[in-house]
Amino acid sequence: MVDFGKFIREKRTEAEISQLGLARAIGVNHTYLSKIESGKMPPPSAETVLKLADALDGSSYEFLCAANICVYCKGTGKIKKAGQND
């Protein structure tokens, strides 16, 4: 399983964006983002994860999987919550 905070920190660093800059870009407090990156907070909502993916020019699928929020079914093209049947 991916450490979501570490994943975000690595993506942010690669993009050369400060925590404050990223927090402002996605509309959250920079202390909240800091807590996510340090593992003091669990991954945020799917909506916030998608904002992170967009701000960091990443794949929505990759970010959602890193947050363990959902699974994309290539056969149906649907996204469902992890552990959800059907």
N, C-alpha and C. Protein backbone atom coordinates (compact mmCIF):
# COMPACT_ATOMS: atom_id res chain seq x y z
N MET A 1 0.84 -1.18 0.00
CA MET A 1 0.00 0.00 0.00
C MET A 1 0.88 1.25 0.00
N VAL A 2 0.48 2.24 -0.75
CA VAL A 2 1.24 3.47 -0.90
C VAL A 2 1.01 4.39 0.31
N ASP A 3 2.08 5.02 0.78
CA ASP A 3 1.97 6.04 1.82
C ASP A 3 1.53 7.31 1.10
N PHE A 4 0.27 7.69 1.25
CA PHE A 4 -0.29 8.80 0.48
C PHE A 4 0.45 10.11 0.75
N GLY A 5 0.77 10.38 2.00
CA GLY A 5 1.47 11.62 2.33
C GLY A 5 2.81 11.72 1.64
N LYS A 6 3.55 10.62 1.67
CA LYS A 6 4.86 10.58 1.00
C LYS A 6 4.68 10.74 -0.51
N PHE A 7 3.67 10.10 -1.05
CA PHE A 7 3.36 10.19 -2.48
C PHE A 7 3.12 11.65 -2.88
N ILE A 8 2.30 12.35 -2.11
CA ILE A 8 1.98 13.76 -2.41
C ILE A 8 3.23 14.63 -2.28
N ARG A 9 3.99 14.41 -1.23
CA ARG A 9 5.20 15.20 -1.03
C ARG A 9 6.16 15.01 -2.21
N GLU A 10 6.33 13.78 -2.67
CA GLU A 10 7.21 13.51 -3.80
C GLU A 10 6.71 14.19 -5.07
N LYS A 11 5.41 14.09 -5.32
CA LYS A 11 4.83 14.72 -6.52
C LYS A 11 4.96 16.24 -6.45
N ARG A 12 4.72 16.80 -5.28
CA ARG A 12 4.82 18.25 -5.10
C ARG A 12 6.26 18.72 -5.30
N THR A 13 7.21 17.98 -4.74
CA THR A 13 8.62 18.32 -4.87
C THR A 13 9.06 18.24 -6.32
N GLU A 14 8.65 17.18 -7.01
CA GLU A 14 8.97 17.03 -8.44
C GLU A 14 8.43 18.21 -9.25
N ALA A 15 7.25 18.69 -8.86
CA ALA A 15 6.62 19.80 -9.58
C ALA A 15 7.17 21.16 -9.15
N GLU A 16 8.06 21.13 -8.15
CA GLU A 16 8.68 22.35 -7.63
C GLU A 16 7.64 23.37 -7.16
N ILE A 17 6.68 22.86 -6.37
CA ILE A 17 5.63 23.70 -5.80
C ILE A 17 5.75 23.63 -4.28
N SER A 18 5.63 24.76 -3.63
CA SER A 18 5.69 24.79 -2.17
C SER A 18 4.39 24.25 -1.59
N GLN A 19 4.43 23.86 -0.33
CA GLN A 19 3.19 23.42 0.34
C GLN A 19 2.16 24.53 0.30
N LEU A 20 2.59 25.75 0.59
CA LEU A 20 1.67 26.88 0.60
C LEU A 20 1.06 27.10 -0.79
N GLY A 21 1.88 27.03 -1.82
CA GLY A 21 1.39 27.21 -3.18
C GLY A 21 0.39 26.14 -3.58
N LEU A 22 0.69 24.89 -3.23
CA LEU A 22 -0.22 23.79 -3.57
C LEU A 22 -1.52 23.92 -2.77
N ALA A 23 -1.39 24.22 -1.49
CA ALA A 23 -2.59 24.38 -0.65
C ALA A 23 -3.51 25.45 -1.22
N ARG A 24 -2.94 26.57 -1.62
CA ARG A 24 -3.74 27.65 -2.20
C ARG A 24 -4.38 27.20 -3.52
N ALA A 25 -3.63 26.45 -4.32
CA ALA A 25 -4.13 26.00 -5.61
C ALA A 25 -5.34 25.07 -5.48
N ILE A 26 -5.38 24.29 -4.40
CA ILE A 26 -6.49 23.34 -4.25
C ILE A 26 -7.53 23.81 -3.22
N GLY A 27 -7.28 24.97 -2.60
CA GLY A 27 -8.28 25.53 -1.69
C GLY A 27 -8.32 24.93 -0.30
N VAL A 28 -7.15 24.52 0.22
CA VAL A 28 -7.10 24.02 1.60
C VAL A 28 -6.05 24.82 2.37
N ASN A 29 -6.08 24.71 3.69
CA ASN A 29 -5.11 25.36 4.54
C ASN A 29 -3.78 24.62 4.42
N HIS A 30 -2.68 25.37 4.40
CA HIS A 30 -1.37 24.72 4.24
C HIS A 30 -1.02 23.81 5.41
N THR A 31 -1.56 24.09 6.60
CA THR A 31 -1.28 23.19 7.72
C THR A 31 -1.98 21.84 7.54
N TYR A 32 -3.14 21.87 6.90
CA TYR A 32 -3.85 20.61 6.60
C TYR A 32 -3.02 19.78 5.62
N LEU A 33 -2.50 20.43 4.58
CA LEU A 33 -1.67 19.72 3.60
C LEU A 33 -0.42 19.18 4.27
N SER A 34 0.17 19.95 5.16
CA SER A 34 1.36 19.50 5.88
C SER A 34 1.05 18.24 6.70
N LYS A 35 -0.10 18.21 7.34
CA LYS A 35 -0.49 17.05 8.15
C LYS A 35 -0.74 15.82 7.27
N ILE A 36 -1.28 16.03 6.08
CA ILE A 36 -1.47 14.91 5.15
C ILE A 36 -0.11 14.36 4.74
N GLU A 37 0.79 15.26 4.35
CA GLU A 37 2.12 14.83 3.89
C GLU A 37 2.91 14.13 4.99
N SER A 38 2.72 14.54 6.23
CA SER A 38 3.47 13.93 7.34
C SER A 38 2.80 12.67 7.88
N GLY A 39 1.63 12.34 7.35
CA GLY A 39 0.93 11.14 7.80
C GLY A 39 0.12 11.33 9.05
N LYS A 40 -0.02 12.57 9.51
CA LYS A 40 -0.82 12.85 10.71
C LYS A 40 -2.30 12.88 10.40
N MET A 41 -2.64 13.00 9.13
CA MET A 41 -4.03 12.99 8.68
C MET A 41 -4.16 11.92 7.60
N PRO A 42 -5.30 11.26 7.51
CA PRO A 42 -5.51 10.28 6.44
C PRO A 42 -5.68 11.00 5.10
N PRO A 43 -5.67 10.25 4.01
CA PRO A 43 -5.92 10.88 2.71
C PRO A 43 -7.24 11.66 2.73
N PRO A 44 -7.29 12.76 2.00
CA PRO A 44 -8.50 13.58 1.98
C PRO A 44 -9.60 12.94 1.12
N SER A 45 -10.68 13.67 0.95
CA SER A 45 -11.81 13.20 0.14
C SER A 45 -11.39 13.02 -1.31
N ALA A 46 -12.18 12.26 -2.05
CA ALA A 46 -11.90 12.05 -3.47
C ALA A 46 -11.85 13.38 -4.22
N GLU A 47 -12.71 14.31 -3.85
CA GLU A 47 -12.73 15.62 -4.50
C GLU A 47 -11.39 16.33 -4.33
N THR A 48 -10.85 16.31 -3.13
CA THR A 48 -9.57 16.96 -2.87
C THR A 48 -8.43 16.22 -3.56
N VAL A 49 -8.49 14.90 -3.57
CA VAL A 49 -7.47 14.11 -4.26
C VAL A 49 -7.45 14.46 -5.75
N LEU A 50 -8.63 14.62 -6.34
CA LEU A 50 -8.69 15.00 -7.76
C LEU A 50 -8.13 16.40 -7.99
N LYS A 51 -8.35 17.30 -7.05
CA LYS A 51 -7.77 18.65 -7.15
C LYS A 51 -6.24 18.57 -7.07
N LEU A 52 -5.74 17.70 -6.19
CA LEU A 52 -4.30 17.49 -6.09
C LEU A 52 -3.74 16.97 -7.41
N ALA A 53 -4.41 15.98 -7.98
CA ALA A 53 -3.96 15.42 -9.25
C ALA A 53 -3.91 16.49 -10.33
N ASP A 54 -4.93 17.32 -10.38
CA ASP A 54 -4.98 18.38 -11.38
C ASP A 54 -3.86 19.40 -11.16
N ALA A 55 -3.69 19.84 -9.92
CA ALA A 55 -2.68 20.86 -9.61
C ALA A 55 -1.27 20.35 -9.85
N LEU A 56 -1.06 19.05 -9.70
CA LEU A 56 0.26 18.47 -9.87
C LEU A 56 0.43 17.78 -11.23
N ASP A 57 -0.51 18.03 -12.13
CA ASP A 57 -0.48 17.46 -13.49
C ASP A 57 -0.31 15.95 -13.47
N GLY A 58 -1.05 15.30 -12.56
CA GLY A 58 -0.97 13.86 -12.43
C GLY A 58 -2.21 13.16 -12.94
N SER A 59 -2.14 11.87 -12.96
CA SER A 59 -3.25 11.03 -13.38
C SER A 59 -4.26 10.90 -12.23
N SER A 60 -5.52 11.18 -12.52
CA SER A 60 -6.56 11.02 -11.51
C SER A 60 -6.55 9.61 -10.96
N TYR A 61 -6.40 8.65 -11.84
CA TYR A 61 -6.38 7.24 -11.46
C TYR A 61 -5.24 6.96 -10.48
N GLU A 62 -4.04 7.45 -10.80
CA GLU A 62 -2.88 7.21 -9.95
C GLU A 62 -3.08 7.82 -8.56
N PHE A 63 -3.60 9.04 -8.51
CA PHE A 63 -3.80 9.71 -7.24
C PHE A 63 -4.90 9.04 -6.42
N LEU A 64 -6.00 8.65 -7.06
CA LEU A 64 -7.08 7.97 -6.35
C LEU A 64 -6.62 6.62 -5.81
N CYS A 65 -5.83 5.92 -6.59
CA CYS A 65 -5.30 4.63 -6.12
C CYS A 65 -4.34 4.84 -4.96
N ALA A 66 -3.50 5.87 -5.05
CA ALA A 66 -2.57 6.15 -3.96
C ALA A 66 -3.31 6.45 -2.66
N ALA A 67 -4.47 7.10 -2.79
CA ALA A 67 -5.29 7.43 -1.61
C ALA A 67 -6.15 6.25 -1.17
N ASN A 68 -6.10 5.16 -1.93
CA ASN A 68 -6.90 3.96 -1.65
C ASN A 68 -8.39 4.30 -1.57
N ILE A 69 -8.81 5.20 -2.45
CA ILE A 69 -10.20 5.64 -2.45
C ILE A 69 -11.05 4.82 -3.39
N CYS A 70 -10.54 4.53 -4.56
CA CYS A 70 -11.37 3.82 -5.51
C CYS A 70 -10.56 3.05 -6.52
N VAL A 71 -11.26 2.27 -7.27
CA VAL A 71 -10.67 1.41 -8.28
C VAL A 71 -11.36 1.69 -9.60
N TYR A 72 -10.59 1.80 -10.65
CA TYR A 72 -11.13 2.04 -11.99
C TYR A 72 -11.21 0.71 -12.71
N CYS A 73 -12.38 0.41 -13.25
CA CYS A 73 -12.58 -0.82 -13.99
C CYS A 73 -12.43 -0.52 -15.48
N LYS A 74 -11.36 -0.99 -16.07
CA LYS A 74 -11.12 -0.72 -17.49
C LYS A 74 -12.21 -1.33 -18.37
N GLY A 75 -12.81 -2.41 -17.93
CA GLY A 75 -13.84 -3.07 -18.72
C GLY A 75 -15.11 -2.24 -18.86
N THR A 76 -15.51 -1.59 -17.77
CA THR A 76 -16.75 -0.81 -17.79
C THR A 76 -16.50 0.70 -17.85
N GLY A 77 -15.27 1.09 -17.54
CA GLY A 77 -14.97 2.52 -17.50
C GLY A 77 -15.52 3.22 -16.27
N LYS A 78 -15.97 2.44 -15.28
CA LYS A 78 -16.54 3.01 -14.07
C LYS A 78 -15.52 3.05 -12.95
N ILE A 79 -15.66 4.03 -12.09
CA ILE A 79 -14.85 4.13 -10.89
C ILE A 79 -15.75 3.80 -9.71
N LYS A 80 -15.27 2.94 -8.82
CA LYS A 80 -16.05 2.59 -7.65
C LYS A 80 -15.17 2.67 -6.42
N LYS A 81 -15.80 2.78 -5.28
CA LYS A 81 -15.05 2.84 -4.03
C LYS A 81 -14.38 1.51 -3.77
N ALA A 82 -13.20 1.56 -3.18
CA ALA A 82 -12.47 0.35 -2.85
C ALA A 82 -13.32 -0.52 -1.94
N GLY A 83 -13.37 -1.80 -2.23
CA GLY A 83 -14.14 -2.73 -1.44
C GLY A 83 -15.61 -2.84 -1.84
N GLN A 84 -16.06 -1.98 -2.73
CA GLN A 84 -17.46 -1.99 -3.17
C GLN A 84 -17.65 -3.11 -4.21
N ASN A 85 -18.66 -3.90 -4.03
CA ASN A 85 -18.96 -4.95 -4.99
C ASN A 85 -19.84 -4.40 -6.10
N ASP A 86 -19.72 -5.00 -7.29
CA ASP A 86 -20.50 -4.63 -8.48
C ASP A 86 -19.92 -3.50 -9.18
